[in-house]
């Protein structure tokens, strides 16, 4: 691709980015839930973290049915997801285990997704 082509490329729409964010999040959370049964360091003391992770997955799946007309609407719902992930990461008893590291990766992704959606939302707002 030539540099001029890259400059003129419009980038993803807010709807496309929201869809991708939900797809990636759902996949990461599902892998995390699966990991709880495979992790040798898993402890029943972290049952509330596992249960909350399942609630987060339900929230992400539920967000698919919502129509986000603008980025603040998505951001408001996403902050609930991101905050729940953050609380799980803080509460988990073994942060250096596979599950703990993956939970940290999910937390980092959720934060990055927030900033990316804000960026694309502002870009679309400026175009109007």
N, C-alpha and C. Protein backbone atom coordinates (compact mmCIF):
# COMPACT_ATOMS: atom_id res chain seq x y z
N UNK A 1 0.82 -1.18 0.00
CA UNK A 1 0.00 0.00 0.00
C UNK A 1 0.87 1.24 0.00
N UNK A 2 0.48 2.20 -0.77
CA UNK A 2 1.22 3.46 -0.81
C UNK A 2 0.84 4.33 0.38
N UNK A 3 1.75 5.22 0.75
CA UNK A 3 1.51 6.11 1.89
C UNK A 3 0.26 6.95 1.67
N UNK A 4 0.03 7.43 0.46
CA UNK A 4 -1.15 8.25 0.18
C UNK A 4 -2.43 7.46 0.42
N UNK A 5 -2.41 6.19 0.09
CA UNK A 5 -3.59 5.34 0.30
C UNK A 5 -3.85 5.18 1.79
N UNK A 6 -2.80 5.00 2.57
CA UNK A 6 -2.96 4.84 4.00
C UNK A 6 -3.50 6.10 4.65
N UNK A 7 -3.06 7.26 4.19
CA UNK A 7 -3.53 8.52 4.76
C UNK A 7 -5.02 8.73 4.52
N UNK A 8 -5.50 8.30 3.37
CA UNK A 8 -6.88 8.55 3.03
C UNK A 8 -7.83 7.46 3.51
N UNK A 9 -7.29 6.37 4.02
CA UNK A 9 -8.15 5.29 4.51
C UNK A 9 -8.96 5.78 5.70
N UNK A 10 -10.28 5.57 5.67
CA UNK A 10 -11.13 6.13 6.71
C UNK A 10 -11.03 5.42 8.06
N UNK A 11 -10.54 4.20 8.09
CA UNK A 11 -10.48 3.46 9.35
C UNK A 11 -11.83 2.86 9.66
N UNK A 12 -11.92 2.08 10.74
CA UNK A 12 -13.18 1.42 11.07
C UNK A 12 -14.22 2.41 11.58
N UNK A 13 -15.47 2.08 11.33
CA UNK A 13 -16.55 2.89 11.90
C UNK A 13 -16.71 2.52 13.38
N UNK A 14 -17.44 3.33 14.09
CA UNK A 14 -17.69 3.04 15.50
C UNK A 14 -18.42 1.70 15.64
N UNK A 15 -19.39 1.45 14.79
CA UNK A 15 -20.13 0.18 14.85
C UNK A 15 -19.21 -1.01 14.61
N UNK A 16 -18.30 -0.89 13.66
CA UNK A 16 -17.35 -1.97 13.38
C UNK A 16 -16.42 -2.20 14.57
N UNK A 17 -15.95 -1.12 15.16
CA UNK A 17 -15.03 -1.24 16.29
C UNK A 17 -15.73 -1.82 17.51
N UNK A 18 -16.96 -1.40 17.76
CA UNK A 18 -17.72 -1.95 18.88
C UNK A 18 -17.91 -3.45 18.68
N UNK A 19 -18.27 -3.85 17.47
CA UNK A 19 -18.46 -5.27 17.17
C UNK A 19 -17.17 -6.06 17.39
N UNK A 20 -16.06 -5.53 16.91
CA UNK A 20 -14.78 -6.19 17.09
C UNK A 20 -14.39 -6.27 18.57
N UNK A 21 -14.62 -5.20 19.30
CA UNK A 21 -14.31 -5.16 20.73
C UNK A 21 -15.10 -6.24 21.47
N UNK A 22 -16.39 -6.34 21.16
CA UNK A 22 -17.22 -7.35 21.82
C UNK A 22 -16.80 -8.76 21.42
N UNK A 23 -16.46 -8.96 20.14
CA UNK A 23 -15.99 -10.28 19.68
C UNK A 23 -14.72 -10.70 20.43
N UNK A 24 -13.76 -9.80 20.46
CA UNK A 24 -12.48 -10.13 21.11
C UNK A 24 -12.66 -10.34 22.61
N UNK A 25 -13.47 -9.50 23.22
CA UNK A 25 -13.69 -9.63 24.67
C UNK A 25 -14.38 -10.94 25.01
N UNK A 26 -15.39 -11.28 24.23
CA UNK A 26 -16.10 -12.53 24.48
C UNK A 26 -15.16 -13.72 24.36
N UNK A 27 -14.31 -13.71 23.36
CA UNK A 27 -13.36 -14.81 23.18
C UNK A 27 -12.36 -14.88 24.34
N UNK A 28 -11.83 -13.72 24.76
CA UNK A 28 -10.87 -13.71 25.86
C UNK A 28 -11.50 -14.16 27.17
N UNK A 29 -12.71 -13.70 27.43
CA UNK A 29 -13.38 -14.07 28.68
C UNK A 29 -13.72 -15.55 28.67
N UNK A 30 -14.17 -16.06 27.54
CA UNK A 30 -14.48 -17.50 27.44
C UNK A 30 -13.24 -18.35 27.70
N UNK A 31 -12.10 -17.94 27.14
CA UNK A 31 -10.85 -18.67 27.39
C UNK A 31 -10.47 -18.61 28.86
N UNK A 32 -10.71 -17.47 29.48
CA UNK A 32 -10.39 -17.30 30.89
C UNK A 32 -11.25 -18.24 31.74
N UNK A 33 -12.53 -18.32 31.42
CA UNK A 33 -13.42 -19.22 32.16
C UNK A 33 -12.98 -20.67 31.98
N UNK A 34 -12.63 -21.03 30.77
CA UNK A 34 -12.14 -22.39 30.51
C UNK A 34 -10.86 -22.67 31.29
N UNK A 35 -10.03 -21.67 31.43
CA UNK A 35 -8.74 -21.84 32.11
C UNK A 35 -8.90 -22.15 33.59
N UNK A 36 -9.99 -21.72 34.19
CA UNK A 36 -10.15 -21.96 35.63
C UNK A 36 -10.18 -23.45 35.95
N UNK A 37 -10.70 -24.25 35.04
CA UNK A 37 -10.74 -25.69 35.30
C UNK A 37 -9.42 -26.37 34.98
N UNK A 38 -8.58 -25.72 34.16
CA UNK A 38 -7.30 -26.31 33.76
C UNK A 38 -6.11 -25.81 34.58
N UNK A 39 -6.29 -24.73 35.32
CA UNK A 39 -5.19 -24.10 36.04
C UNK A 39 -4.86 -24.89 37.32
N UNK A 40 -3.62 -25.38 37.41
CA UNK A 40 -3.20 -26.16 38.58
C UNK A 40 -3.17 -25.32 39.85
N UNK A 41 -3.02 -23.99 39.69
CA UNK A 41 -2.96 -23.11 40.85
C UNK A 41 -4.35 -22.62 41.27
N UNK A 42 -5.39 -23.09 40.58
CA UNK A 42 -6.74 -22.61 40.87
C UNK A 42 -7.15 -23.02 42.28
N UNK A 43 -7.79 -22.12 42.97
CA UNK A 43 -8.24 -22.38 44.33
C UNK A 43 -9.71 -22.02 44.47
N UNK A 44 -10.43 -22.79 45.25
CA UNK A 44 -11.86 -22.51 45.48
C UNK A 44 -12.07 -21.17 46.18
N UNK A 45 -11.04 -20.64 46.80
CA UNK A 45 -11.15 -19.34 47.43
C UNK A 45 -11.45 -18.25 46.39
N UNK A 46 -11.17 -18.53 45.14
CA UNK A 46 -11.41 -17.57 44.06
C UNK A 46 -12.73 -17.82 43.33
N UNK A 47 -13.63 -18.53 43.98
CA UNK A 47 -14.91 -18.83 43.37
C UNK A 47 -15.67 -17.56 42.97
N UNK A 48 -15.61 -16.52 43.81
CA UNK A 48 -16.33 -15.28 43.49
C UNK A 48 -15.75 -14.60 42.25
N UNK A 49 -14.45 -14.74 42.04
CA UNK A 49 -13.83 -14.18 40.83
C UNK A 49 -14.33 -14.93 39.61
N UNK A 50 -14.37 -16.24 39.70
CA UNK A 50 -14.86 -17.06 38.59
C UNK A 50 -16.32 -16.74 38.30
N UNK A 51 -17.14 -16.61 39.32
CA UNK A 51 -18.55 -16.29 39.13
C UNK A 51 -18.73 -14.91 38.51
N UNK A 52 -17.95 -13.96 38.97
CA UNK A 52 -18.04 -12.61 38.42
C UNK A 52 -17.58 -12.59 36.97
N UNK A 53 -16.58 -13.37 36.64
CA UNK A 53 -16.12 -13.47 35.25
C UNK A 53 -17.24 -13.97 34.35
N UNK A 54 -18.01 -14.91 34.84
CA UNK A 54 -19.16 -15.42 34.08
C UNK A 54 -20.23 -14.33 33.90
N UNK A 55 -20.43 -13.51 34.94
CA UNK A 55 -21.37 -12.38 34.83
C UNK A 55 -20.88 -11.35 33.80
N UNK A 56 -19.58 -11.14 33.79
CA UNK A 56 -18.99 -10.21 32.81
C UNK A 56 -19.24 -10.73 31.40
N UNK A 57 -19.07 -12.02 31.19
CA UNK A 57 -19.33 -12.61 29.88
C UNK A 57 -20.79 -12.40 29.48
N UNK A 58 -21.71 -12.60 30.42
CA UNK A 58 -23.12 -12.37 30.13
C UNK A 58 -23.38 -10.90 29.75
N UNK A 59 -22.72 -9.99 30.43
CA UNK A 59 -22.88 -8.56 30.14
C UNK A 59 -22.37 -8.26 28.73
N UNK A 60 -21.21 -8.79 28.37
CA UNK A 60 -20.64 -8.56 27.04
C UNK A 60 -21.57 -9.13 25.97
N UNK A 61 -22.07 -10.34 26.19
CA UNK A 61 -23.00 -10.93 25.23
C UNK A 61 -24.27 -10.09 25.12
N UNK A 62 -24.75 -9.58 26.23
CA UNK A 62 -25.95 -8.73 26.23
C UNK A 62 -25.74 -7.42 25.50
N UNK A 63 -24.52 -6.92 25.51
CA UNK A 63 -24.22 -5.65 24.83
C UNK A 63 -24.38 -5.78 23.32
N UNK A 64 -24.32 -7.00 22.80
CA UNK A 64 -24.48 -7.20 21.36
C UNK A 64 -25.87 -6.79 20.88
N UNK A 65 -26.86 -6.94 21.75
CA UNK A 65 -28.23 -6.62 21.36
C UNK A 65 -28.55 -5.13 21.47
N UNK A 66 -27.65 -4.39 22.06
CA UNK A 66 -27.87 -2.94 22.20
C UNK A 66 -27.40 -2.21 20.95
N UNK A 67 -28.07 -1.16 20.64
CA UNK A 67 -27.66 -0.35 19.49
C UNK A 67 -27.02 0.93 20.03
N UNK A 68 -25.73 1.03 19.87
CA UNK A 68 -24.99 2.19 20.37
C UNK A 68 -24.97 3.26 19.28
N UNK A 69 -25.76 4.29 19.48
CA UNK A 69 -25.86 5.34 18.47
C UNK A 69 -24.67 6.29 18.51
N UNK A 70 -24.01 6.35 19.66
CA UNK A 70 -22.83 7.19 19.78
C UNK A 70 -21.88 6.56 20.79
N UNK A 71 -20.65 7.03 20.77
CA UNK A 71 -19.65 6.37 21.60
C UNK A 71 -19.87 6.56 23.10
N UNK A 72 -20.44 7.68 23.60
CA UNK A 72 -20.65 7.76 25.05
C UNK A 72 -21.59 6.65 25.58
N UNK A 73 -22.56 6.24 24.76
CA UNK A 73 -23.44 5.16 25.20
C UNK A 73 -22.66 3.85 25.39
N UNK A 74 -21.78 3.56 24.44
CA UNK A 74 -20.96 2.35 24.56
C UNK A 74 -20.00 2.49 25.73
N UNK A 75 -19.37 3.64 25.84
CA UNK A 75 -18.38 3.85 26.91
C UNK A 75 -19.00 3.62 28.28
N UNK A 76 -20.21 4.12 28.47
CA UNK A 76 -20.90 3.95 29.75
C UNK A 76 -21.08 2.46 30.09
N UNK A 77 -21.53 1.68 29.12
CA UNK A 77 -21.69 0.23 29.35
C UNK A 77 -20.34 -0.45 29.50
N UNK A 78 -19.36 -0.02 28.70
CA UNK A 78 -18.04 -0.66 28.74
C UNK A 78 -17.33 -0.42 30.06
N UNK A 79 -17.53 0.74 30.65
CA UNK A 79 -16.88 1.05 31.94
C UNK A 79 -17.36 0.07 33.01
N UNK A 80 -18.62 -0.37 32.94
CA UNK A 80 -19.11 -1.38 33.88
C UNK A 80 -18.34 -2.69 33.70
N UNK A 81 -18.14 -3.09 32.45
CA UNK A 81 -17.38 -4.30 32.15
C UNK A 81 -15.94 -4.14 32.64
N UNK A 82 -15.32 -3.04 32.27
CA UNK A 82 -13.92 -2.79 32.61
C UNK A 82 -13.72 -2.74 34.12
N UNK A 83 -14.64 -2.11 34.84
CA UNK A 83 -14.52 -2.02 36.30
C UNK A 83 -14.66 -3.39 36.95
N UNK A 84 -15.55 -4.21 36.42
CA UNK A 84 -15.72 -5.56 36.96
C UNK A 84 -14.47 -6.40 36.74
N UNK A 85 -13.88 -6.27 35.56
CA UNK A 85 -12.63 -6.99 35.27
C UNK A 85 -11.53 -6.52 36.22
N UNK A 86 -11.45 -5.22 36.43
CA UNK A 86 -10.44 -4.66 37.33
C UNK A 86 -10.61 -5.21 38.75
N UNK A 87 -11.83 -5.28 39.23
CA UNK A 87 -12.07 -5.81 40.57
C UNK A 87 -11.68 -7.29 40.66
N UNK A 88 -11.98 -8.04 39.63
CA UNK A 88 -11.57 -9.46 39.60
C UNK A 88 -10.05 -9.58 39.66
N UNK A 89 -9.38 -8.77 38.86
CA UNK A 89 -7.91 -8.83 38.83
C UNK A 89 -7.32 -8.49 40.20
N UNK A 90 -7.91 -7.54 40.88
CA UNK A 90 -7.41 -7.15 42.20
C UNK A 90 -7.70 -8.22 43.26
N UNK A 91 -8.85 -8.88 43.12
CA UNK A 91 -9.28 -9.84 44.14
C UNK A 91 -8.66 -11.22 43.96
N UNK A 92 -8.20 -11.54 42.78
CA UNK A 92 -7.71 -12.89 42.52
C UNK A 92 -6.49 -13.19 43.38
N UNK A 93 -6.48 -14.36 43.99
CA UNK A 93 -5.47 -14.68 45.01
C UNK A 93 -4.10 -15.06 44.46
N UNK A 94 -4.02 -15.42 43.19
CA UNK A 94 -2.75 -15.91 42.64
C UNK A 94 -2.44 -15.21 41.31
N UNK A 95 -2.05 -13.94 41.36
CA UNK A 95 -1.88 -13.17 40.13
C UNK A 95 -0.78 -13.68 39.20
N UNK A 96 0.14 -14.50 39.70
CA UNK A 96 1.22 -15.01 38.86
C UNK A 96 0.88 -16.34 38.19
N UNK A 97 -0.30 -16.88 38.46
CA UNK A 97 -0.72 -18.11 37.80
C UNK A 97 -1.16 -17.77 36.38
N UNK A 98 -1.39 -18.80 35.59
CA UNK A 98 -1.87 -18.58 34.21
C UNK A 98 -3.16 -17.78 34.22
N UNK A 99 -4.11 -18.18 35.06
CA UNK A 99 -5.39 -17.47 35.15
C UNK A 99 -5.18 -16.01 35.54
N UNK A 100 -4.32 -15.79 36.52
CA UNK A 100 -4.05 -14.43 36.98
C UNK A 100 -3.43 -13.57 35.89
N UNK A 101 -2.50 -14.14 35.15
CA UNK A 101 -1.87 -13.39 34.05
C UNK A 101 -2.88 -13.09 32.94
N UNK A 102 -3.72 -14.07 32.61
CA UNK A 102 -4.74 -13.86 31.58
C UNK A 102 -5.78 -12.84 32.02
N UNK A 103 -6.10 -12.85 33.29
CA UNK A 103 -7.01 -11.84 33.84
C UNK A 103 -6.38 -10.45 33.72
N UNK A 104 -5.10 -10.35 33.97
CA UNK A 104 -4.39 -9.08 33.78
C UNK A 104 -4.36 -8.65 32.33
N UNK A 105 -4.18 -9.61 31.43
CA UNK A 105 -4.22 -9.29 29.99
C UNK A 105 -5.60 -8.79 29.57
N UNK A 106 -6.64 -9.41 30.11
CA UNK A 106 -8.00 -8.98 29.81
C UNK A 106 -8.24 -7.57 30.33
N UNK A 107 -7.74 -7.28 31.53
CA UNK A 107 -7.87 -5.94 32.10
C UNK A 107 -7.18 -4.91 31.20
N UNK A 108 -5.98 -5.25 30.73
CA UNK A 108 -5.25 -4.33 29.86
C UNK A 108 -5.99 -4.12 28.53
N UNK A 109 -6.53 -5.20 27.98
CA UNK A 109 -7.29 -5.09 26.73
C UNK A 109 -8.52 -4.21 26.92
N UNK A 110 -9.23 -4.39 28.02
CA UNK A 110 -10.45 -3.61 28.27
C UNK A 110 -10.12 -2.11 28.33
N UNK A 111 -9.01 -1.77 28.97
CA UNK A 111 -8.60 -0.37 29.04
C UNK A 111 -8.23 0.17 27.66
N UNK A 112 -7.50 -0.61 26.89
CA UNK A 112 -7.10 -0.18 25.55
C UNK A 112 -8.32 -0.04 24.65
N UNK A 113 -9.26 -0.95 24.77
CA UNK A 113 -10.47 -0.89 23.97
C UNK A 113 -11.24 0.39 24.27
N UNK A 114 -11.29 0.77 25.53
CA UNK A 114 -11.96 2.01 25.92
C UNK A 114 -11.35 3.20 25.18
N UNK A 115 -10.04 3.30 25.21
CA UNK A 115 -9.35 4.43 24.56
C UNK A 115 -9.54 4.40 23.04
N UNK A 116 -9.53 3.22 22.46
CA UNK A 116 -9.68 3.09 21.02
C UNK A 116 -11.08 3.51 20.59
N UNK A 117 -12.09 3.07 21.32
CA UNK A 117 -13.47 3.45 21.00
C UNK A 117 -13.66 4.95 21.17
N UNK A 118 -13.08 5.51 22.21
CA UNK A 118 -13.17 6.97 22.40
C UNK A 118 -12.54 7.70 21.21
N UNK A 119 -11.39 7.24 20.77
CA UNK A 119 -10.70 7.87 19.65
C UNK A 119 -11.55 7.82 18.38
N UNK A 120 -12.07 6.65 18.06
CA UNK A 120 -12.87 6.50 16.84
C UNK A 120 -14.18 7.29 16.98
N UNK A 121 -14.78 7.27 18.16
CA UNK A 121 -16.00 8.03 18.39
C UNK A 121 -15.79 9.52 18.19
N UNK A 122 -14.69 10.04 18.71
CA UNK A 122 -14.38 11.47 18.53
C UNK A 122 -14.10 11.77 17.07
N UNK A 123 -13.41 10.88 16.39
CA UNK A 123 -13.13 11.08 14.97
C UNK A 123 -14.42 11.16 14.18
N UNK A 124 -15.36 10.27 14.46
CA UNK A 124 -16.64 10.29 13.74
C UNK A 124 -17.44 11.54 14.08
N UNK A 125 -17.36 11.97 15.33
CA UNK A 125 -18.08 13.18 15.75
C UNK A 125 -17.55 14.39 14.99
N UNK A 126 -16.24 14.45 14.79
CA UNK A 126 -15.63 15.58 14.09
C UNK A 126 -15.98 15.58 12.60
N UNK A 127 -16.24 14.41 12.04
CA UNK A 127 -16.58 14.31 10.62
C UNK A 127 -17.97 14.85 10.32
N UNK A 128 -18.84 14.81 11.31
CA UNK A 128 -20.25 15.20 11.08
C UNK A 128 -20.39 16.68 10.94
